[in-house]
């Protein structure tokens, strides 16, 4: 449902007020090490997804499991076991 310019401006004002009224608490703070760990885990998840998509594309292009394993630094069998039955995302 399209929103009017006024609806968007009203929402922006509401968000600005919530931001201005916000008072941080001790529970909001995250240690730097925890933040870095969270970012690293998210980066790993993105990388794994990219690898899965690349392996799927490589297989559709006829590239062998042996070659895929070489590129990933693992055996052909390990590559096939890990990426051979990756569910397709919708």
N, C-alpha and C. Protein backbone atom coordinates (compact mmCIF):
# COMPACT_ATOMS: atom_id res chain seq x y z
N UNK A 1 0.84 -1.17 0.00
CA UNK A 1 0.00 0.00 0.00
C UNK A 1 0.89 1.24 0.00
N UNK A 2 0.80 2.07 -0.99
CA UNK A 2 1.63 3.28 -1.06
C UNK A 2 1.31 4.23 0.09
N UNK A 3 2.35 4.88 0.56
CA UNK A 3 2.16 5.86 1.62
C UNK A 3 2.33 7.24 1.04
N UNK A 4 1.61 8.16 1.64
CA UNK A 4 1.71 9.54 1.18
C UNK A 4 2.99 10.16 1.74
N UNK A 5 3.36 11.27 1.17
CA UNK A 5 4.54 12.00 1.67
C UNK A 5 4.32 12.37 3.13
N UNK A 6 3.11 12.77 3.46
CA UNK A 6 2.81 13.15 4.85
C UNK A 6 2.97 11.95 5.79
N UNK A 7 2.52 10.76 5.35
CA UNK A 7 2.69 9.55 6.18
C UNK A 7 4.17 9.30 6.45
N UNK A 8 4.98 9.46 5.43
CA UNK A 8 6.43 9.23 5.57
C UNK A 8 7.04 10.26 6.51
N UNK A 9 6.66 11.53 6.37
CA UNK A 9 7.18 12.58 7.25
C UNK A 9 6.73 12.36 8.69
N UNK A 10 5.48 11.94 8.89
CA UNK A 10 4.99 11.66 10.24
C UNK A 10 5.77 10.51 10.88
N UNK A 11 6.04 9.50 10.09
CA UNK A 11 6.81 8.36 10.60
C UNK A 11 8.23 8.79 10.95
N UNK A 12 8.82 9.62 10.12
CA UNK A 12 10.17 10.13 10.39
C UNK A 12 10.18 10.94 11.68
N UNK A 13 9.16 11.76 11.88
CA UNK A 13 9.06 12.54 13.12
C UNK A 13 8.93 11.63 14.34
N UNK A 14 8.13 10.59 14.21
CA UNK A 14 7.96 9.63 15.31
C UNK A 14 9.29 8.97 15.65
N UNK A 15 10.01 8.53 14.62
CA UNK A 15 11.31 7.90 14.85
C UNK A 15 12.31 8.88 15.47
N UNK A 16 12.31 10.12 15.01
CA UNK A 16 13.21 11.13 15.56
C UNK A 16 12.90 11.36 17.03
N UNK A 17 11.63 11.41 17.40
CA UNK A 17 11.25 11.61 18.80
C UNK A 17 11.69 10.44 19.65
N UNK A 18 11.50 9.23 19.14
CA UNK A 18 11.94 8.05 19.89
C UNK A 18 13.45 8.08 20.09
N UNK A 19 14.19 8.51 19.09
CA UNK A 19 15.64 8.61 19.19
C UNK A 19 16.04 9.66 20.22
N UNK A 20 15.39 10.82 20.17
CA UNK A 20 15.71 11.91 21.09
C UNK A 20 15.36 11.55 22.53
N UNK A 21 14.28 10.79 22.73
CA UNK A 21 13.83 10.43 24.08
C UNK A 21 14.55 9.21 24.65
N UNK A 22 15.35 8.55 23.84
CA UNK A 22 16.00 7.31 24.26
C UNK A 22 17.03 7.59 25.34
N UNK A 23 16.97 6.79 26.39
CA UNK A 23 17.96 6.86 27.47
C UNK A 23 18.65 5.50 27.54
N UNK A 24 19.94 5.45 27.21
CA UNK A 24 20.64 4.16 27.24
C UNK A 24 20.73 3.60 28.66
N UNK A 25 20.76 2.29 28.73
CA UNK A 25 20.94 1.61 30.01
C UNK A 25 22.17 0.72 29.93
N UNK A 26 22.60 0.23 31.06
CA UNK A 26 23.78 -0.64 31.09
C UNK A 26 23.56 -1.89 30.26
N UNK A 27 22.32 -2.35 30.15
CA UNK A 27 22.01 -3.54 29.35
C UNK A 27 22.22 -3.32 27.85
N UNK A 28 22.24 -2.06 27.42
CA UNK A 28 22.41 -1.76 26.00
C UNK A 28 23.86 -1.87 25.55
N UNK A 29 24.78 -1.81 26.49
CA UNK A 29 26.19 -1.82 26.12
C UNK A 29 26.66 -3.22 25.79
N UNK A 30 27.49 -3.31 24.77
CA UNK A 30 28.07 -4.57 24.34
C UNK A 30 29.58 -4.38 24.33
N UNK A 31 30.28 -5.34 24.92
CA UNK A 31 31.74 -5.27 24.94
C UNK A 31 32.28 -5.31 23.51
N UNK A 32 33.39 -4.64 23.30
CA UNK A 32 33.99 -4.60 21.97
C UNK A 32 34.27 -6.01 21.46
N UNK A 33 34.80 -6.86 22.32
CA UNK A 33 35.11 -8.23 21.91
C UNK A 33 33.86 -8.98 21.47
N UNK A 34 32.75 -8.76 22.17
CA UNK A 34 31.48 -9.41 21.80
C UNK A 34 30.98 -8.87 20.47
N UNK A 35 31.09 -7.58 20.27
CA UNK A 35 30.67 -6.96 19.01
C UNK A 35 31.50 -7.51 17.85
N UNK A 36 32.81 -7.60 18.05
CA UNK A 36 33.69 -8.13 16.99
C UNK A 36 33.38 -9.59 16.69
N UNK A 37 33.08 -10.35 17.72
CA UNK A 37 32.71 -11.76 17.53
C UNK A 37 31.42 -11.87 16.72
N UNK A 38 30.43 -11.04 17.06
CA UNK A 38 29.16 -11.04 16.33
C UNK A 38 29.38 -10.70 14.86
N UNK A 39 30.20 -9.67 14.61
CA UNK A 39 30.48 -9.27 13.21
C UNK A 39 31.20 -10.38 12.46
N UNK A 40 32.15 -11.05 13.13
CA UNK A 40 32.88 -12.14 12.48
C UNK A 40 31.94 -13.30 12.14
N UNK A 41 31.04 -13.62 13.05
CA UNK A 41 30.09 -14.71 12.81
C UNK A 41 29.17 -14.38 11.64
N UNK A 42 28.74 -13.12 11.56
CA UNK A 42 27.89 -12.71 10.44
C UNK A 42 28.66 -12.76 9.13
N UNK A 43 29.92 -12.36 9.14
CA UNK A 43 30.75 -12.41 7.94
C UNK A 43 30.94 -13.86 7.49
N UNK A 44 31.17 -14.76 8.46
CA UNK A 44 31.33 -16.17 8.13
C UNK A 44 30.06 -16.72 7.49
N UNK A 45 28.91 -16.37 8.04
CA UNK A 45 27.64 -16.84 7.48
C UNK A 45 27.45 -16.35 6.05
N UNK A 46 27.80 -15.07 5.81
CA UNK A 46 27.69 -14.53 4.44
C UNK A 46 28.65 -15.28 3.50
N UNK A 47 29.86 -15.53 3.98
CA UNK A 47 30.84 -16.24 3.15
C UNK A 47 30.38 -17.65 2.83
N UNK A 48 29.85 -18.35 3.83
CA UNK A 48 29.36 -19.71 3.59
C UNK A 48 28.23 -19.71 2.56
N UNK A 49 27.37 -18.72 2.64
CA UNK A 49 26.27 -18.63 1.66
C UNK A 49 26.84 -18.38 0.27
N UNK A 50 27.83 -17.50 0.16
CA UNK A 50 28.45 -17.22 -1.14
C UNK A 50 29.11 -18.47 -1.70
N UNK A 51 29.78 -19.22 -0.85
CA UNK A 51 30.42 -20.46 -1.31
C UNK A 51 29.37 -21.44 -1.78
N UNK A 52 28.30 -21.61 -1.01
CA UNK A 52 27.23 -22.54 -1.42
C UNK A 52 26.64 -22.15 -2.77
N UNK A 53 26.41 -20.86 -2.96
CA UNK A 53 25.85 -20.41 -4.24
C UNK A 53 26.85 -20.61 -5.37
N UNK A 54 28.13 -20.38 -5.10
CA UNK A 54 29.16 -20.56 -6.13
C UNK A 54 29.32 -22.04 -6.48
N UNK A 55 29.26 -22.90 -5.48
CA UNK A 55 29.35 -24.33 -5.74
C UNK A 55 28.16 -24.78 -6.58
N UNK A 56 26.98 -24.32 -6.24
CA UNK A 56 25.78 -24.67 -7.00
C UNK A 56 25.94 -24.22 -8.47
N UNK A 57 26.41 -23.01 -8.66
CA UNK A 57 26.61 -22.51 -10.03
C UNK A 57 27.68 -23.32 -10.76
N UNK A 58 28.74 -23.67 -10.04
CA UNK A 58 29.81 -24.46 -10.65
C UNK A 58 29.30 -25.84 -11.07
N UNK A 59 28.51 -26.46 -10.23
CA UNK A 59 27.97 -27.78 -10.57
C UNK A 59 27.03 -27.68 -11.78
N UNK A 60 26.20 -26.63 -11.80
CA UNK A 60 25.30 -26.45 -12.94
C UNK A 60 26.09 -26.21 -14.22
N UNK A 61 27.29 -25.66 -14.08
CA UNK A 61 28.15 -25.41 -15.25
C UNK A 61 28.98 -26.64 -15.61
N UNK A 62 28.81 -27.72 -14.87
CA UNK A 62 29.50 -28.96 -15.20
C UNK A 62 30.87 -29.11 -14.58
N UNK A 63 31.23 -28.29 -13.64
CA UNK A 63 32.53 -28.40 -12.98
C UNK A 63 32.50 -29.58 -12.01
N UNK A 64 33.55 -30.37 -12.02
CA UNK A 64 33.60 -31.60 -11.22
C UNK A 64 33.77 -31.30 -9.73
N UNK A 65 33.39 -32.29 -8.93
CA UNK A 65 33.59 -32.16 -7.48
C UNK A 65 35.08 -32.10 -7.17
N UNK A 66 35.88 -32.79 -7.96
CA UNK A 66 37.34 -32.75 -7.74
C UNK A 66 37.85 -31.32 -7.88
N UNK A 67 37.45 -30.63 -8.95
CA UNK A 67 37.90 -29.26 -9.18
C UNK A 67 37.36 -28.32 -8.10
N UNK A 68 36.12 -28.51 -7.72
CA UNK A 68 35.53 -27.69 -6.65
C UNK A 68 36.31 -27.90 -5.36
N UNK A 69 36.63 -29.14 -5.06
CA UNK A 69 37.42 -29.44 -3.86
C UNK A 69 38.78 -28.76 -3.89
N UNK A 70 39.43 -28.78 -5.06
CA UNK A 70 40.72 -28.11 -5.19
C UNK A 70 40.58 -26.63 -4.87
N UNK A 71 39.56 -25.99 -5.42
CA UNK A 71 39.36 -24.56 -5.20
C UNK A 71 39.05 -24.23 -3.74
N UNK A 72 38.37 -25.16 -3.06
CA UNK A 72 38.02 -24.93 -1.67
C UNK A 72 39.09 -25.42 -0.69
N UNK A 73 40.10 -26.11 -1.23
CA UNK A 73 41.17 -26.62 -0.37
C UNK A 73 40.76 -27.85 0.43
N UNK A 74 39.80 -28.62 -0.12
CA UNK A 74 39.34 -29.84 0.53
C UNK A 74 39.24 -30.93 -0.53
N UNK A 75 38.97 -32.14 -0.09
CA UNK A 75 38.85 -33.24 -1.05
C UNK A 75 37.53 -33.14 -1.82
N UNK A 76 37.47 -33.84 -2.94
CA UNK A 76 36.24 -33.88 -3.73
C UNK A 76 35.11 -34.47 -2.89
N UNK A 77 35.42 -35.51 -2.14
CA UNK A 77 34.40 -36.16 -1.30
C UNK A 77 33.90 -35.19 -0.23
N UNK A 78 34.80 -34.45 0.39
CA UNK A 78 34.39 -33.49 1.42
C UNK A 78 33.52 -32.39 0.81
N UNK A 79 33.88 -31.92 -0.36
CA UNK A 79 33.09 -30.88 -1.03
C UNK A 79 31.70 -31.39 -1.34
N UNK A 80 31.62 -32.61 -1.86
CA UNK A 80 30.32 -33.16 -2.21
C UNK A 80 29.46 -33.40 -0.97
N UNK A 81 30.09 -33.90 0.10
CA UNK A 81 29.34 -34.14 1.33
C UNK A 81 28.82 -32.83 1.92
N UNK A 82 29.66 -31.80 1.85
CA UNK A 82 29.26 -30.53 2.47
C UNK A 82 28.29 -29.73 1.63
N UNK A 83 28.49 -29.72 0.31
CA UNK A 83 27.70 -28.85 -0.56
C UNK A 83 26.81 -29.60 -1.55
N UNK A 84 26.85 -30.90 -1.55
CA UNK A 84 26.12 -31.68 -2.53
C UNK A 84 24.61 -31.65 -2.37
N UNK A 85 24.15 -31.49 -1.15
CA UNK A 85 22.70 -31.48 -0.95
C UNK A 85 22.25 -30.19 -0.28
N UNK A 86 22.81 -29.07 -0.74
CA UNK A 86 22.44 -27.77 -0.21
C UNK A 86 21.02 -27.44 -0.66
N UNK A 87 20.11 -27.14 0.28
CA UNK A 87 18.75 -26.79 -0.14
C UNK A 87 18.74 -25.50 -0.94
N UNK A 88 17.94 -25.48 -1.96
CA UNK A 88 17.83 -24.29 -2.82
C UNK A 88 16.98 -23.25 -2.11
N UNK A 89 17.46 -21.99 -2.09
CA UNK A 89 16.69 -20.92 -1.47
C UNK A 89 15.64 -20.42 -2.45
N UNK A 90 14.54 -19.98 -1.91
CA UNK A 90 13.44 -19.51 -2.76
C UNK A 90 13.63 -18.07 -3.15
